[in-house]
């Protein structure tokens, strides 16, 4: 049930792009605290630079790389420092963004899946499936 809830975030993002073509959005988890207006600082500059996807880094506070328990069986290489955090991200409505969201959602909702949405998203991004 927890994974289905996490996967629903991917579905919401897809629905926004499909129902409102051309709309770009900034997604933020409820736990994100902004101390300043992000649009008056780095985020605004990056968006103005015409990037398709902007994200915060995962575990930037960690002293050692964190290994997700689902990857400890060494089925593929995983380094948390290579993974962005999907709890704060800006997405532009592009075909490759839609494709990676769709692939992530489809894999996330497979009944045997044990990997959360963020790990799936970055697994696909690293393999450049778009």
C-alpha atoms as a PDB file:
ATOM      1  CA  UNK A   1       0.000   0.000   0.000  1.00  0.00           C
ATOM      2  CA  UNK A   2       2.858   2.397   0.858  1.00  0.00           C
ATOM      3  CA  UNK A   3       4.454   1.909  -2.563  1.00  0.00           C
ATOM      4  CA  UNK A   4       1.144   2.506  -4.335  1.00  0.00           C
ATOM      5  CA  UNK A   5       0.819   5.787  -2.456  1.00  0.00           C
ATOM      6  CA  UNK A   6       4.344   6.792  -3.506  1.00  0.00           C
ATOM      7  CA  UNK A   7       3.625   5.721  -7.090  1.00  0.00           C
ATOM      8  CA  UNK A   8       0.562   7.955  -7.161  1.00  0.00           C
ATOM      9  CA  UNK A   9       2.893  10.997  -7.195  1.00  0.00           C
ATOM     10  CA  UNK A  10       4.150   9.862 -10.608  1.00  0.00           C
ATOM     11  CA  UNK A  11       0.557   9.495 -11.824  1.00  0.00           C
ATOM     12  CA  UNK A  12      -0.341  12.991 -10.608  1.00  0.00           C
ATOM     13  CA  UNK A  13       2.625  14.446 -12.508  1.00  0.00           C
ATOM     14  CA  UNK A  14       1.619  12.582 -15.672  1.00  0.00           C
ATOM     15  CA  UNK A  15      -1.978  13.763 -15.311  1.00  0.00           C
ATOM     16  CA  UNK A  16      -0.836  17.388 -15.017  1.00  0.00           C
ATOM     17  CA  UNK A  17       1.176  17.140 -18.239  1.00  0.00           C
ATOM     18  CA  UNK A  18      -1.563  15.284 -20.128  1.00  0.00           C
ATOM     19  CA  UNK A  19      -4.465  17.489 -19.005  1.00  0.00           C
ATOM     20  CA  UNK A  20      -2.594  20.800 -19.115  1.00  0.00           C
ATOM     21  CA  UNK A  21      -0.094  20.581 -22.015  1.00  0.00           C
ATOM     22  CA  UNK A  22       2.680  23.151 -21.830  1.00  0.00           C
ATOM     23  CA  UNK A  23       2.347  23.643 -18.073  1.00  0.00           C
ATOM     24  CA  UNK A  24       5.632  23.285 -16.205  1.00  0.00           C
ATOM     25  CA  UNK A  25       5.595  22.706 -12.476  1.00  0.00           C
ATOM     26  CA  UNK A  26       7.601  22.723  -9.298  1.00  0.00           C
ATOM     27  CA  UNK A  27       6.869  19.778  -7.015  1.00  0.00           C
ATOM     28  CA  UNK A  28       7.744  19.986  -3.339  1.00  0.00           C
ATOM     29  CA  UNK A  29       7.149  17.454  -0.558  1.00  0.00           C
ATOM     30  CA  UNK A  30       5.316  18.827   2.462  1.00  0.00           C
ATOM     31  CA  UNK A  31       8.472  18.509   4.567  1.00  0.00           C
ATOM     32  CA  UNK A  32      10.523  20.906   2.446  1.00  0.00           C
ATOM     33  CA  UNK A  33      11.240  24.174   4.264  1.00  0.00           C
ATOM     34  CA  UNK A  34      12.156  27.231   2.200  1.00  0.00           C
ATOM     35  CA  UNK A  35      14.061  29.894   4.085  1.00  0.00           C
ATOM     36  CA  UNK A  36      13.993  32.340   1.151  1.00  0.00           C
ATOM     37  CA  UNK A  37      12.049  32.811  -2.034  1.00  0.00           C
ATOM     38  CA  UNK A  38      13.632  30.145  -4.296  1.00  0.00           C
ATOM     39  CA  UNK A  39      12.663  32.033  -7.443  1.00  0.00           C
ATOM     40  CA  UNK A  40      14.740  35.035  -6.367  1.00  0.00           C
ATOM     41  CA  UNK A  41      17.821  32.849  -5.977  1.00  0.00           C
ATOM     42  CA  UNK A  42      19.328  29.794  -7.686  1.00  0.00           C
ATOM     43  CA  UNK A  43      16.080  28.092  -8.707  1.00  0.00           C
ATOM     44  CA  UNK A  44      14.798  31.115 -10.593  1.00  0.00           C
ATOM     45  CA  UNK A  45      18.123  31.450 -12.415  1.00  0.00           C
ATOM     46  CA  UNK A  46      18.088  27.764 -13.382  1.00  0.00           C
ATOM     47  CA  UNK A  47      14.493  27.901 -14.637  1.00  0.00           C
ATOM     48  CA  UNK A  48      15.343  30.992 -16.701  1.00  0.00           C
ATOM     49  CA  UNK A  49      18.270  29.025 -18.184  1.00  0.00           C
ATOM     50  CA  UNK A  50      15.742  26.777 -19.923  1.00  0.00           C
ATOM     51  CA  UNK A  51      16.509  23.441 -18.212  1.00  0.00           C
ATOM     52  CA  UNK A  52      13.955  20.640 -18.632  1.00  0.00           C
ATOM     53  CA  UNK A  53      14.497  19.102 -15.205  1.00  0.00           C
ATOM     54  CA  UNK A  54      15.919  20.589 -11.998  1.00  0.00           C
ATOM     55  CA  UNK A  55      16.220  18.591  -8.778  1.00  0.00           C
ATOM     56  CA  UNK A  56      17.779  18.643  -5.336  1.00  0.00           C
ATOM     57  CA  UNK A  57      20.442  16.093  -4.467  1.00  0.00           C
ATOM     58  CA  UNK A  58      19.741  13.079  -2.281  1.00  0.00           C
ATOM     59  CA  UNK A  59      21.699  12.632   0.971  1.00  0.00           C
ATOM     60  CA  UNK A  60      23.944  15.653   0.529  1.00  0.00           C
ATOM     61  CA  UNK A  61      24.206  15.697   4.327  1.00  0.00           C
ATOM     62  CA  UNK A  62      25.465  12.094   4.549  1.00  0.00           C
ATOM     63  CA  UNK A  63      29.122  11.413   5.272  1.00  0.00           C
ATOM     64  CA  UNK A  64      29.023   8.024   3.542  1.00  0.00           C
ATOM     65  CA  UNK A  65      27.006   6.873   0.513  1.00  0.00           C
ATOM     66  CA  UNK A  66      23.709   5.335   1.574  1.00  0.00           C
ATOM     67  CA  UNK A  67      22.749   2.016  -0.014  1.00  0.00           C
ATOM     68  CA  UNK A  68      19.018   1.461  -0.452  1.00  0.00           C
ATOM     69  CA  UNK A  69      18.033  -1.883   1.084  1.00  0.00           C
ATOM     70  CA  UNK A  70      16.395  -3.019  -2.156  1.00  0.00           C
ATOM     71  CA  UNK A  71      19.776  -2.836  -3.908  1.00  0.00           C
ATOM     72  CA  UNK A  72      21.896  -4.603  -1.315  1.00  0.00           C
ATOM     73  CA  UNK A  73      21.644  -7.851  -3.292  1.00  0.00           C
ATOM     74  CA  UNK A  74      23.996  -6.212  -5.844  1.00  0.00           C
ATOM     75  CA  UNK A  75      21.643  -6.677  -8.797  1.00  0.00           C
ATOM     76  CA  UNK A  76      22.962  -3.362 -10.096  1.00  0.00           C
ATOM     77  CA  UNK A  77      25.251  -0.618  -8.915  1.00  0.00           C
ATOM     78  CA  UNK A  78      23.611   2.047  -6.781  1.00  0.00           C
ATOM     79  CA  UNK A  79      25.164   5.107  -5.217  1.00  0.00           C
ATOM     80  CA  UNK A  80      22.850   7.539  -3.432  1.00  0.00           C
ATOM     81  CA  UNK A  81      25.131  10.448  -4.314  1.00  0.00           C
ATOM     82  CA  UNK A  82      24.203   9.906  -7.978  1.00  0.00           C
ATOM     83  CA  UNK A  83      20.501  10.108  -7.211  1.00  0.00           C
ATOM     84  CA  UNK A  84      18.455  13.268  -7.063  1.00  0.00           C
ATOM     85  CA  UNK A  85      15.683  13.739  -4.550  1.00  0.00           C
ATOM     86  CA  UNK A  86      12.262  13.812  -6.182  1.00  0.00           C
ATOM     87  CA  UNK A  87      10.835  15.617  -3.142  1.00  0.00           C
ATOM     88  CA  UNK A  88      11.808  18.966  -4.654  1.00  0.00           C
ATOM     89  CA  UNK A  89      11.938  19.153  -8.424  1.00  0.00           C
ATOM     90  CA  UNK A  90      11.027  21.350 -11.368  1.00  0.00           C
ATOM     91  CA  UNK A  91       9.810  19.682 -14.559  1.00  0.00           C
ATOM     92  CA  UNK A  92       9.192  21.130 -17.975  1.00  0.00           C
ATOM     93  CA  UNK A  93       6.555  19.465 -20.148  1.00  0.00           C
ATOM     94  CA  UNK A  94       8.756  17.606 -22.639  1.00  0.00           C
ATOM     95  CA  UNK A  95       8.385  14.231 -24.370  1.00  0.00           C
ATOM     96  CA  UNK A  96      11.356  12.700 -22.537  1.00  0.00           C
ATOM     97  CA  UNK A  97      10.030  13.818 -19.126  1.00  0.00           C
ATOM     98  CA  UNK A  98       6.652  12.294 -19.924  1.00  0.00           C
ATOM     99  CA  UNK A  99       8.286   9.073 -21.109  1.00  0.00           C
ATOM    100  CA  UNK A 100      10.412   8.604 -17.990  1.00  0.00           C
ATOM    101  CA  UNK A 101       7.452   9.388 -15.713  1.00  0.00           C
ATOM    102  CA  UNK A 102       5.295   6.875 -17.579  1.00  0.00           C
ATOM    103  CA  UNK A 103       7.963   4.149 -17.447  1.00  0.00           C
ATOM    104  CA  UNK A 104       8.584   4.831 -13.741  1.00  0.00           C
ATOM    105  CA  UNK A 105       4.872   4.697 -12.948  1.00  0.00           C
ATOM    106  CA  UNK A 106       4.386   1.475 -14.913  1.00  0.00           C
ATOM    107  CA  UNK A 107       7.253  -0.249 -13.102  1.00  0.00           C
ATOM    108  CA  UNK A 108       6.214   1.188  -9.757  1.00  0.00           C
ATOM    109  CA  UNK A 109       2.701  -0.287  -9.990  1.00  0.00           C
ATOM    110  CA  UNK A 110       3.799  -3.841 -10.866  1.00  0.00           C
ATOM    111  CA  UNK A 111       2.478  -5.997  -7.981  1.00  0.00           C
ATOM    112  CA  UNK A 112       5.892  -7.618  -7.330  1.00  0.00           C
ATOM    113  CA  UNK A 113       7.662  -4.236  -7.171  1.00  0.00           C
ATOM    114  CA  UNK A 114       9.498  -3.483  -3.924  1.00  0.00           C
ATOM    115  CA  UNK A 115      11.289  -0.306  -5.046  1.00  0.00           C
ATOM    116  CA  UNK A 116       9.878   3.163  -4.338  1.00  0.00           C
ATOM    117  CA  UNK A 117       9.152   5.778  -7.007  1.00  0.00           C
ATOM    118  CA  UNK A 118      12.304   7.857  -6.530  1.00  0.00           C
ATOM    119  CA  UNK A 119      14.673   4.883  -6.849  1.00  0.00           C
ATOM    120  CA  UNK A 120      12.841   3.667  -9.972  1.00  0.00           C
ATOM    121  CA  UNK A 121      12.881   7.123 -11.534  1.00  0.00           C
ATOM    122  CA  UNK A 122      16.644   7.467 -11.028  1.00  0.00           C
ATOM    123  CA  UNK A 123      17.344   3.891 -12.073  1.00  0.00           C
ATOM    124  CA  UNK A 124      15.709   4.725 -15.429  1.00  0.00           C
ATOM    125  CA  UNK A 125      17.388   8.140 -15.657  1.00  0.00           C
ATOM    126  CA  UNK A 126      20.856   6.603 -15.179  1.00  0.00           C
ATOM    127  CA  UNK A 127      20.125   4.127 -17.950  1.00  0.00           C
ATOM    128  CA  UNK A 128      18.899   6.930 -20.228  1.00  0.00           C
ATOM    129  CA  UNK A 129      15.750   5.059 -21.219  1.00  0.00           C
ATOM    130  CA  UNK A 130      14.200   8.247 -22.477  1.00  0.00           C
END
